[in-house]
N, C-alpha and C. Protein backbone atom coordinates (compact mmCIF):
# COMPACT_ATOMS: atom_id res chain seq x y z
N MET A 1 35.36 -6.15 -8.71
CA MET A 1 34.47 -6.54 -10.00
C MET A 1 33.06 -6.16 -9.36
N LYS A 2 32.13 -5.82 -10.37
CA LYS A 2 30.97 -5.10 -9.84
C LYS A 2 29.64 -6.60 -9.65
N VAL A 3 29.15 -6.53 -8.78
CA VAL A 3 28.02 -7.45 -8.59
C VAL A 3 26.77 -7.17 -7.94
N ILE A 4 25.53 -7.87 -8.54
CA ILE A 4 24.33 -7.38 -7.99
C ILE A 4 24.13 -8.28 -6.70
N LEU A 5 23.74 -7.93 -5.65
CA LEU A 5 23.55 -8.86 -4.77
C LEU A 5 21.86 -9.20 -4.44
N THR A 6 22.05 -10.63 -4.65
CA THR A 6 20.59 -11.36 -4.80
C THR A 6 19.78 -12.04 -3.64
N GLN A 7 20.22 -10.96 -1.94
CA GLN A 7 20.10 -11.43 -0.89
C GLN A 7 20.86 -10.14 0.32
N ASN A 8 20.18 -10.29 0.99
CA ASN A 8 21.15 -9.47 2.21
C ASN A 8 22.28 -9.92 2.45
N VAL A 9 23.41 -9.15 2.41
CA VAL A 9 24.63 -9.84 2.68
C VAL A 9 25.38 -8.79 3.99
N LYS A 10 25.31 -9.26 5.02
CA LYS A 10 25.99 -8.75 6.10
C LYS A 10 27.32 -8.09 5.76
N ALA A 11 27.17 -6.37 6.57
CA ALA A 11 28.18 -5.70 6.57
C ALA A 11 28.78 -5.44 4.80
N LEU A 12 27.72 -5.89 3.74
CA LEU A 12 28.19 -5.41 2.25
C LEU A 12 27.09 -4.65 1.94
N GLY A 13 25.57 -5.37 1.89
CA GLY A 13 24.79 -4.66 1.06
C GLY A 13 23.09 -5.43 1.40
N ASN A 14 22.21 -4.92 0.75
CA ASN A 14 21.03 -5.56 0.49
C ASN A 14 20.94 -6.06 -0.70
N LYS A 15 19.39 -6.89 -0.61
CA LYS A 15 19.51 -7.32 -1.92
C LYS A 15 19.13 -6.26 -3.05
N GLY A 16 19.54 -6.66 -4.27
CA GLY A 16 19.30 -5.26 -5.39
C GLY A 16 19.98 -4.39 -5.44
N ASP A 17 21.39 -4.46 -4.21
CA ASP A 17 22.41 -3.36 -4.52
C ASP A 17 23.62 -4.15 -5.26
N ILE A 18 24.21 -2.82 -5.93
CA ILE A 18 25.20 -3.02 -6.78
C ILE A 18 26.56 -2.75 -6.28
N VAL A 19 27.52 -3.69 -5.85
CA VAL A 19 28.58 -3.30 -5.33
C VAL A 19 29.90 -3.78 -5.47
N ASN A 20 30.95 -3.00 -5.30
CA ASN A 20 32.61 -3.13 -6.23
C ASN A 20 32.85 -3.75 -4.87
N VAL A 21 33.77 -5.31 -5.62
CA VAL A 21 34.27 -6.20 -4.61
C VAL A 21 35.35 -6.65 -5.15
N SER A 22 36.24 -7.31 -4.12
CA SER A 22 37.34 -8.05 -4.97
C SER A 22 36.87 -9.35 -5.93
N ASP A 23 37.71 -9.52 -6.79
CA ASP A 23 37.22 -10.95 -7.56
C ASP A 23 37.21 -11.75 -6.98
N GLY A 24 38.20 -12.04 -6.15
CA GLY A 24 38.31 -13.40 -5.37
C GLY A 24 36.90 -13.61 -4.56
N TYR A 25 36.82 -12.57 -3.74
CA TYR A 25 35.52 -12.64 -2.90
C TYR A 25 34.38 -12.89 -3.76
N ALA A 26 34.11 -12.11 -4.67
CA ALA A 26 32.88 -12.33 -5.95
C ALA A 26 33.19 -14.05 -6.36
N ASN A 27 33.98 -14.22 -7.22
CA ASN A 27 34.38 -15.77 -7.54
C ASN A 27 33.69 -16.72 -6.42
N ASN A 28 34.58 -16.92 -5.17
CA ASN A 28 34.89 -18.01 -4.57
C ASN A 28 33.65 -18.12 -3.36
N PHE A 29 33.00 -16.74 -3.30
CA PHE A 29 31.84 -16.77 -1.99
C PHE A 29 30.68 -16.32 -2.54
N LEU A 30 30.67 -15.04 -3.12
CA LEU A 30 29.10 -14.65 -3.65
C LEU A 30 28.70 -15.23 -4.83
N LEU A 31 29.53 -15.55 -5.53
CA LEU A 31 28.41 -15.92 -6.96
C LEU A 31 28.58 -17.61 -6.56
N LYS A 32 29.68 -18.10 -6.12
CA LYS A 32 29.45 -19.48 -5.41
C LYS A 32 28.27 -20.06 -4.82
N ASN A 33 27.74 -19.22 -4.00
CA ASN A 33 26.84 -19.43 -2.76
C ASN A 33 25.59 -18.66 -3.43
N LYS A 34 25.21 -18.28 -4.75
CA LYS A 34 24.50 -17.70 -5.49
C LYS A 34 23.85 -16.43 -4.40
N MET A 35 25.04 -15.89 -3.88
CA MET A 35 24.43 -14.41 -3.01
C MET A 35 24.36 -13.21 -4.06
N ALA A 36 24.98 -13.46 -5.34
CA ALA A 36 25.20 -12.37 -6.10
C ALA A 36 25.18 -13.17 -7.73
N VAL A 37 25.06 -11.86 -8.49
CA VAL A 37 25.24 -12.16 -9.77
C VAL A 37 25.97 -11.05 -10.48
N PRO A 38 26.87 -11.37 -11.81
CA PRO A 38 27.63 -10.22 -12.17
C PRO A 38 26.79 -9.27 -12.62
N ALA A 39 27.44 -7.72 -12.60
CA ALA A 39 26.97 -6.62 -12.98
C ALA A 39 26.88 -6.74 -14.46
N ASN A 40 26.58 -7.56 -15.23
CA ASN A 40 26.56 -7.08 -16.74
C ASN A 40 25.24 -6.55 -17.34
N ALA A 41 25.23 -6.19 -18.42
CA ALA A 41 23.72 -5.29 -19.10
C ALA A 41 22.40 -5.99 -18.46
N GLY A 42 22.47 -7.22 -18.81
CA GLY A 42 21.32 -8.26 -18.68
C GLY A 42 20.62 -7.97 -17.43
N ASN A 43 21.80 -8.49 -16.42
CA ASN A 43 21.14 -8.69 -15.28
C ASN A 43 21.38 -7.13 -14.44
N LEU A 44 22.02 -6.28 -15.04
CA LEU A 44 21.45 -4.71 -14.48
C LEU A 44 20.05 -3.90 -14.82
N ASN A 45 19.61 -4.49 -16.23
CA ASN A 45 18.22 -4.41 -16.67
C ASN A 45 16.79 -5.08 -15.95
N LEU A 46 17.69 -6.84 -15.32
CA LEU A 46 16.25 -7.07 -14.91
C LEU A 46 16.32 -6.39 -13.32
N ASN A 47 17.70 -5.99 -12.84
CA ASN A 47 17.70 -5.52 -11.46
C ASN A 47 16.72 -4.17 -11.39
N ALA A 48 16.76 -3.59 -12.30
CA ALA A 48 15.97 -2.23 -12.76
C ALA A 48 14.77 -2.58 -12.57
N GLN A 49 14.19 -3.47 -13.62
CA GLN A 49 12.82 -4.10 -13.58
C GLN A 49 12.14 -4.64 -12.04
N GLU A 50 13.16 -5.09 -11.63
CA GLU A 50 12.61 -5.93 -10.12
C GLU A 50 12.45 -4.60 -9.27
N LYS A 51 13.38 -3.81 -9.14
CA LYS A 51 12.95 -2.71 -8.21
C LYS A 51 11.87 -1.92 -8.83
N ALA A 52 11.56 -1.78 -9.89
CA ALA A 52 10.22 -0.74 -10.62
C ALA A 52 9.41 -1.60 -10.14
N ALA A 53 9.30 -2.99 -9.97
CA ALA A 53 8.09 -3.55 -9.78
C ALA A 53 7.91 -3.55 -8.50
N GLU A 54 8.92 -3.60 -7.41
CA GLU A 54 8.84 -3.43 -6.00
C GLU A 54 8.33 -2.42 -5.47
N ALA A 55 8.63 -1.31 -6.04
CA ALA A 55 8.35 0.37 -6.08
C ALA A 55 6.60 0.54 -6.36
N ARG A 56 6.07 -0.40 -7.25
CA ARG A 56 4.63 -0.53 -7.77
C ARG A 56 4.20 -0.85 -6.58
N LYS A 57 4.48 -1.84 -6.39
CA LYS A 57 3.98 -2.89 -5.07
C LYS A 57 3.57 -2.38 -3.96
N ILE A 58 5.19 -1.63 -3.29
CA ILE A 58 4.76 -0.62 -2.25
C ILE A 58 3.72 0.54 -2.40
N LYS A 59 3.64 0.98 -3.51
CA LYS A 59 2.79 2.41 -3.84
C LYS A 59 1.21 1.59 -3.69
N GLU A 60 1.00 0.44 -4.45
CA GLU A 60 -0.42 0.04 -4.21
C GLU A 60 -0.92 -0.35 -3.21
N GLU A 61 -0.06 -1.02 -2.30
CA GLU A 61 -0.21 -1.28 -0.79
C GLU A 61 -0.44 -0.06 0.28
N THR A 62 0.02 0.96 -0.06
CA THR A 62 0.25 2.12 0.50
C THR A 62 -1.06 3.04 0.38
N GLU A 63 -1.51 2.81 -0.78
CA GLU A 63 -2.88 3.71 -1.32
C GLU A 63 -3.85 2.56 -0.72
N ALA A 64 -3.81 1.45 -0.53
CA ALA A 64 -4.89 0.62 -0.34
C ALA A 64 -5.00 0.60 1.12
N ALA A 65 -3.83 0.65 1.91
CA ALA A 65 -3.69 1.10 3.46
C ALA A 65 -4.78 2.36 3.98
N LYS A 66 -4.23 3.44 3.12
CA LYS A 66 -4.74 4.93 3.26
C LYS A 66 -6.27 5.24 2.74
N ALA A 67 -6.89 3.78 2.08
CA ALA A 67 -8.17 3.72 1.73
C ALA A 67 -8.64 3.20 3.01
N LEU A 68 -8.20 2.15 3.37
CA LEU A 68 -8.64 1.16 4.91
C LEU A 68 -8.78 2.42 6.04
N ALA A 69 -7.79 3.21 6.04
CA ALA A 69 -7.76 4.14 7.22
C ALA A 69 -8.78 5.02 7.02
N LYS A 70 -9.06 5.66 5.80
CA LYS A 70 -10.25 6.59 5.55
C LYS A 70 -11.66 5.70 5.95
N LYS A 71 -11.98 4.52 5.35
CA LYS A 71 -12.98 3.83 5.91
C LYS A 71 -13.15 3.57 7.35
N LEU A 72 -12.10 3.13 8.43
CA LEU A 72 -11.77 3.22 9.71
C LEU A 72 -12.28 4.52 10.57
N GLU A 73 -12.33 5.61 9.78
CA GLU A 73 -12.24 6.87 10.58
C GLU A 73 -14.00 6.62 11.01
N ASP A 74 -14.73 6.18 9.94
CA ASP A 74 -16.16 6.28 10.03
C ASP A 74 -16.72 4.91 10.80
N VAL A 75 -15.94 3.79 11.00
CA VAL A 75 -16.51 2.69 11.69
C VAL A 75 -16.47 3.06 13.41
N VAL A 76 -17.35 2.42 13.86
CA VAL A 76 -17.46 2.55 15.61
C VAL A 76 -17.58 1.23 16.22
N VAL A 77 -16.83 0.83 16.71
CA VAL A 77 -16.91 -0.65 17.16
C VAL A 77 -17.41 -0.45 18.66
N THR A 78 -18.51 -1.18 18.76
CA THR A 78 -19.44 -0.72 20.57
C THR A 78 -18.61 -2.20 21.10
N LEU A 79 -18.52 -2.17 22.11
CA LEU A 79 -18.26 -3.84 22.90
C LEU A 79 -18.64 -3.42 24.62
N GLU A 80 -19.66 -4.38 24.68
CA GLU A 80 -20.08 -4.40 25.78
C GLU A 80 -19.41 -5.22 26.91
N VAL A 81 -19.32 -4.48 27.87
CA VAL A 81 -18.39 -5.57 28.97
C VAL A 81 -19.24 -4.99 30.37
N LEU A 82 -19.12 -5.59 31.31
CA LEU A 82 -19.38 -5.85 32.49
C LEU A 82 -18.69 -4.58 32.99
N VAL A 83 -19.51 -3.91 33.63
CA VAL A 83 -19.01 -2.57 34.27
C VAL A 83 -19.53 -2.05 36.02
N GLY A 84 -18.96 -1.95 37.01
CA GLY A 84 -19.06 -2.04 38.35
C GLY A 84 -19.81 -0.62 38.08
N GLU A 85 -20.24 -0.28 39.70
CA GLU A 85 -20.76 0.94 39.81
C GLU A 85 -20.31 2.10 39.53
N ASN A 86 -18.69 1.98 40.01
CA ASN A 86 -18.23 3.32 39.50
C ASN A 86 -17.74 3.41 38.19
N GLY A 87 -17.97 2.89 37.12
CA GLY A 87 -17.91 3.05 35.87
C GLY A 87 -16.71 1.77 35.43
N LYS A 88 -16.12 1.43 36.50
CA LYS A 88 -14.67 0.69 36.11
C LYS A 88 -15.37 -0.50 35.48
N THR A 89 -14.48 -1.21 34.37
CA THR A 89 -14.86 -2.78 34.36
C THR A 89 -14.27 -3.75 34.87
N PHE A 90 -15.04 -4.62 34.39
CA PHE A 90 -14.44 -5.83 35.20
C PHE A 90 -13.50 -6.05 34.43
N GLY A 91 -12.02 -6.12 34.30
CA GLY A 91 -11.09 -6.85 33.24
C GLY A 91 -10.97 -5.23 32.43
N SER A 92 -10.33 -5.82 31.36
CA SER A 92 -10.09 -4.70 30.39
C SER A 92 -10.41 -4.94 29.20
N VAL A 93 -10.74 -4.01 28.39
CA VAL A 93 -10.58 -4.50 27.05
C VAL A 93 -9.52 -3.99 26.17
N GLY A 94 -8.71 -4.82 25.34
CA GLY A 94 -7.37 -4.77 24.95
C GLY A 94 -7.32 -4.88 23.45
N PRO A 95 -6.39 -5.35 22.55
CA PRO A 95 -6.53 -5.30 20.93
C PRO A 95 -7.06 -6.62 20.82
N ILE A 96 -7.22 -7.56 21.46
CA ILE A 96 -7.75 -8.82 21.08
C ILE A 96 -9.56 -8.52 21.18
N GLU A 97 -9.96 -8.22 21.83
CA GLU A 97 -11.49 -7.85 21.88
C GLU A 97 -11.83 -6.96 20.89
N ILE A 98 -10.73 -6.01 20.38
CA ILE A 98 -11.22 -4.69 19.44
C ILE A 98 -10.83 -5.35 17.83
N SER A 99 -9.93 -6.32 17.82
CA SER A 99 -9.80 -7.10 16.81
C SER A 99 -10.59 -8.08 16.64
N ASP A 100 -11.13 -8.77 17.12
CA ASP A 100 -12.58 -9.70 17.05
C ASP A 100 -13.57 -9.00 16.53
N ALA A 101 -13.94 -7.81 17.34
CA ALA A 101 -15.30 -7.01 17.15
C ALA A 101 -15.14 -6.29 15.62
N LEU A 102 -13.70 -6.05 15.37
CA LEU A 102 -13.42 -5.65 13.62
C LEU A 102 -13.70 -6.45 12.38
N THR A 103 -13.47 -7.84 13.20
CA THR A 103 -13.72 -9.25 12.10
C THR A 103 -15.08 -9.43 12.16
N LYS A 104 -15.63 -9.11 13.05
CA LYS A 104 -17.21 -9.39 12.85
C LYS A 104 -18.01 -8.32 12.15
N LEU A 105 -17.51 -7.01 11.83
CA LEU A 105 -17.90 -6.12 11.00
C LEU A 105 -17.09 -6.49 9.66
N GLY A 106 -16.46 -7.35 9.44
CA GLY A 106 -15.74 -7.39 8.13
C GLY A 106 -14.49 -6.86 7.85
N TYR A 107 -13.74 -6.26 9.20
CA TYR A 107 -12.51 -5.74 8.67
C TYR A 107 -11.34 -6.95 9.20
N GLN A 108 -10.49 -7.55 8.45
CA GLN A 108 -9.63 -8.18 8.49
C GLN A 108 -8.43 -7.22 9.27
N ILE A 109 -8.44 -7.15 10.64
CA ILE A 109 -6.99 -6.50 10.89
C ILE A 109 -6.52 -7.24 12.43
N ASP A 110 -4.89 -7.50 12.18
CA ASP A 110 -4.46 -8.32 13.10
C ASP A 110 -4.36 -7.67 14.75
N ARG A 111 -4.34 -7.92 15.58
CA ARG A 111 -4.43 -7.55 16.58
C ARG A 111 -3.08 -6.86 16.92
N LYS A 112 -1.71 -7.37 16.69
CA LYS A 112 -0.68 -6.96 16.41
C LYS A 112 -0.72 -5.32 16.18
N LYS A 113 -1.74 -4.87 15.32
CA LYS A 113 -1.66 -3.52 14.43
C LYS A 113 -2.21 -2.55 15.62
N ILE A 114 -3.10 -2.95 16.32
CA ILE A 114 -4.04 -2.18 16.95
C ILE A 114 -3.01 -1.71 18.42
N GLU A 115 -2.72 -0.23 18.33
CA GLU A 115 -2.09 0.17 19.38
C GLU A 115 -2.54 1.19 20.49
N LEU A 116 -2.78 0.67 21.62
CA LEU A 116 -3.28 1.06 22.86
C LEU A 116 -1.87 1.38 23.90
N SER A 117 -2.12 2.55 24.44
CA SER A 117 -0.62 2.63 24.92
C SER A 117 -1.09 2.17 26.61
N GLN A 118 -2.21 1.60 26.83
CA GLN A 118 -2.67 0.87 28.03
C GLN A 118 -3.99 0.34 27.81
N PRO A 119 -4.61 -0.77 28.18
CA PRO A 119 -5.98 -1.29 28.21
C PRO A 119 -6.99 -0.37 28.81
N ILE A 120 -8.04 -0.42 27.93
CA ILE A 120 -9.25 0.20 28.17
C ILE A 120 -9.89 -0.10 29.61
N LYS A 121 -10.14 0.47 30.51
CA LYS A 121 -10.62 0.29 31.91
C LYS A 121 -11.99 0.89 32.51
N THR A 122 -12.12 1.93 31.65
CA THR A 122 -13.50 2.15 32.26
C THR A 122 -14.51 2.57 30.89
N ALA A 123 -15.63 2.56 31.21
CA ALA A 123 -16.32 2.73 30.16
C ALA A 123 -16.46 4.03 29.66
N GLY A 124 -16.81 4.14 28.30
CA GLY A 124 -16.34 5.33 27.40
C GLY A 124 -16.48 5.12 25.96
N ARG A 125 -15.96 6.57 25.28
CA ARG A 125 -15.68 6.63 24.14
C ARG A 125 -14.16 7.01 23.75
N TYR A 126 -13.59 5.95 22.88
CA TYR A 126 -12.06 6.06 22.83
C TYR A 126 -11.78 6.00 21.18
N GLN A 127 -10.75 6.77 20.91
CA GLN A 127 -10.06 7.11 19.61
C GLN A 127 -8.60 6.08 19.66
N VAL A 128 -8.57 4.97 18.85
CA VAL A 128 -7.56 3.64 19.19
C VAL A 128 -6.82 3.88 17.78
N ALA A 129 -5.47 4.04 17.81
CA ALA A 129 -4.59 3.94 16.53
C ALA A 129 -4.25 3.02 15.82
N VAL A 130 -4.41 2.39 15.16
CA VAL A 130 -4.24 1.07 13.95
C VAL A 130 -3.34 1.47 12.94
N LYS A 131 -2.19 0.71 13.21
CA LYS A 131 -0.96 1.04 11.95
C LYS A 131 -1.29 -0.42 11.21
N LEU A 132 -1.46 0.25 9.80
CA LEU A 132 -2.03 -0.46 8.80
C LEU A 132 -0.95 -0.78 7.80
N TYR A 133 0.05 0.11 7.76
CA TYR A 133 1.15 0.04 6.76
C TYR A 133 2.20 0.76 7.29
N LYS A 134 3.55 0.74 6.53
CA LYS A 134 4.61 1.62 7.07
C LYS A 134 4.39 2.97 6.93
N GLY A 135 4.01 3.87 7.93
CA GLY A 135 3.85 5.29 7.80
C GLY A 135 2.41 5.51 7.57
N VAL A 136 1.17 4.82 7.49
CA VAL A 136 -0.01 4.71 7.35
C VAL A 136 -0.53 4.06 8.47
N THR A 137 -1.20 5.59 9.28
CA THR A 137 -1.88 4.94 10.60
C THR A 137 -3.46 5.54 10.51
N GLY A 138 -4.24 4.31 10.79
CA GLY A 138 -5.51 4.84 10.92
C GLY A 138 -6.29 5.04 12.24
N LYS A 139 -7.11 6.15 12.31
CA LYS A 139 -7.81 5.89 13.79
C LYS A 139 -9.11 5.08 13.74
N LEU A 140 -9.34 4.65 15.03
CA LEU A 140 -10.87 3.71 15.09
C LEU A 140 -11.28 4.39 16.34
N ASN A 141 -13.04 4.42 16.05
CA ASN A 141 -13.71 4.82 17.19
C ASN A 141 -14.27 3.45 17.83
N VAL A 142 -13.94 3.57 19.08
CA VAL A 142 -14.07 2.50 20.11
C VAL A 142 -15.06 2.88 21.36
N VAL A 143 -16.12 2.12 21.16
CA VAL A 143 -17.32 2.73 22.37
C VAL A 143 -17.48 1.35 23.69
N VAL A 144 -17.09 1.84 24.55
CA VAL A 144 -17.21 0.84 25.79
C VAL A 144 -18.80 1.09 26.34
N VAL A 145 -19.39 -0.35 26.68
CA VAL A 145 -20.66 0.28 27.18
C VAL A 145 -20.71 -0.72 27.83
N LYS A 146 -21.70 -0.38 29.07
CA LYS A 146 -22.48 -1.29 30.10
C LYS A 146 -23.13 -2.57 29.55
N LYS A 147 -23.09 -3.57 30.23
CA LYS A 147 -23.38 -4.90 29.67
C LYS A 147 -24.92 -5.08 30.12
């Protein structure tokens, strides 16, 4: 029996997949627990529409992320920190500080999306990667200056 999965089923498939399973498994488990619907003409058409809508949504979000990445290339985040005589900071600059500074500039970017290989511990100019969406990474200019 062919069914369309309405949610991810371990070892069988993901939501929206059309799978062929035994009649007993389909009737007694998948359909009964609302994990799948029969693969008839109406449900196949509905599934195709949902996949098209999901693809359109992903495309729009990717384009928005690319536009934001382009904007972030021109943004310079300046952070004032206490710096010792040798140019090293007291403490370090991490994703939290960069995220807070971006919020003040009007960009809502989660700190978890800011990728630093290690915290910034010296004054200077840095380029920081910001993972905006799957497959879209922007570059952000961060300047650490003496307070």
